[in-house]
Amino acid sequence: MWSNWSQPGPSIATTAIATAVSFAVGYVVTAVFLRMISVMSFAPFVIYRVVLGLLLLVLLQAGWMPATS
């Protein structure tokens, strides 16, 4: 957030474009994952989540990523 509310923020157009892109990417990813698990098992998704979780733990433990903002 802004430290001073009088400073200008992103325009409505920028916010609308970001929202539309976020929706489109989320929709495509959800469709791909649903199609993937209907054909295969949950194993690829589980492996992806475990690897991502382990990476997060390594980054936190090494101090490359702060635990708080």
Protein backbone atom coordinates (compact mmCIF):
# COMPACT_ATOMS: atom_id res chain seq x y z
CA MET A 1 0.00 0.00 0.00
CA TRP A 2 0.96 3.58 -0.32
CA SER A 3 2.40 5.35 2.68
CA ASN A 4 0.60 8.54 1.67
CA TRP A 5 -2.97 8.32 0.38
CA SER A 6 -2.55 11.52 -1.62
CA GLN A 7 -0.09 9.82 -3.98
CA PRO A 8 -1.65 8.51 -7.18
CA GLY A 9 -2.06 4.75 -7.53
CA PRO A 10 -2.57 2.54 -10.54
CA SER A 11 -5.22 3.68 -12.98
CA ILE A 12 -8.55 1.92 -13.42
CA ALA A 13 -7.38 0.68 -16.84
CA THR A 14 -4.23 -0.85 -15.36
CA THR A 15 -6.25 -2.54 -12.62
CA ALA A 16 -8.80 -3.84 -15.14
CA ILE A 17 -6.08 -5.26 -17.41
CA ALA A 18 -4.31 -6.92 -14.47
CA THR A 19 -7.61 -8.41 -13.28
CA ALA A 20 -8.45 -9.74 -16.76
CA VAL A 21 -4.99 -11.27 -17.22
CA SER A 22 -5.14 -12.84 -13.77
CA PHE A 23 -8.57 -14.31 -14.50
CA ALA A 24 -7.47 -15.70 -17.88
CA VAL A 25 -4.31 -17.30 -16.50
CA GLY A 26 -6.19 -18.76 -13.53
CA TYR A 27 -8.90 -20.15 -15.80
CA VAL A 28 -6.39 -21.77 -18.18
CA VAL A 29 -4.32 -23.28 -15.37
CA THR A 30 -7.43 -24.66 -13.67
CA ALA A 31 -8.68 -26.15 -16.95
CA VAL A 32 -5.30 -27.76 -17.66
CA PHE A 33 -5.02 -29.23 -14.15
CA LEU A 34 -8.58 -30.59 -14.27
CA ARG A 35 -7.94 -32.17 -17.67
CA MET A 36 -4.63 -33.56 -16.45
CA ILE A 37 -6.10 -35.22 -13.34
CA SER A 38 -9.03 -36.64 -15.32
CA VAL A 39 -6.57 -38.44 -17.60
CA MET A 40 -3.80 -39.16 -15.11
CA SER A 41 -3.59 -39.45 -11.36
CA PHE A 42 -2.94 -36.78 -8.76
CA ALA A 43 0.74 -37.82 -8.65
CA PRO A 44 2.08 -34.99 -10.89
CA PHE A 45 0.21 -32.40 -8.83
CA VAL A 46 1.42 -33.91 -5.55
CA ILE A 47 5.02 -33.99 -6.81
CA TYR A 48 4.74 -30.38 -7.95
CA ARG A 49 3.39 -29.24 -4.56
CA VAL A 50 5.96 -31.22 -2.56
CA VAL A 51 8.85 -29.86 -4.65
CA LEU A 52 7.50 -26.32 -4.32
CA GLY A 53 7.11 -26.77 -0.54
CA LEU A 54 10.64 -28.12 -0.18
CA LEU A 55 12.01 -25.23 -2.23
CA LEU A 56 10.18 -22.80 0.04
CA LEU A 57 11.62 -24.46 3.14
CA VAL A 58 15.15 -24.36 1.68
CA LEU A 59 14.82 -20.67 0.79
CA LEU A 60 13.54 -19.85 4.28
CA GLN A 61 16.21 -21.93 6.04
CA ALA A 62 19.05 -20.45 3.96
CA GLY A 63 17.83 -16.93 4.73
CA TRP A 64 17.33 -16.06 1.05
CA MET A 65 13.68 -15.33 1.71
CA PRO A 66 12.40 -13.61 4.86
CA ALA A 67 9.70 -15.40 6.88
CA THR A 68 7.92 -12.09 7.46
CA SER A 69 7.55 -9.01 5.36
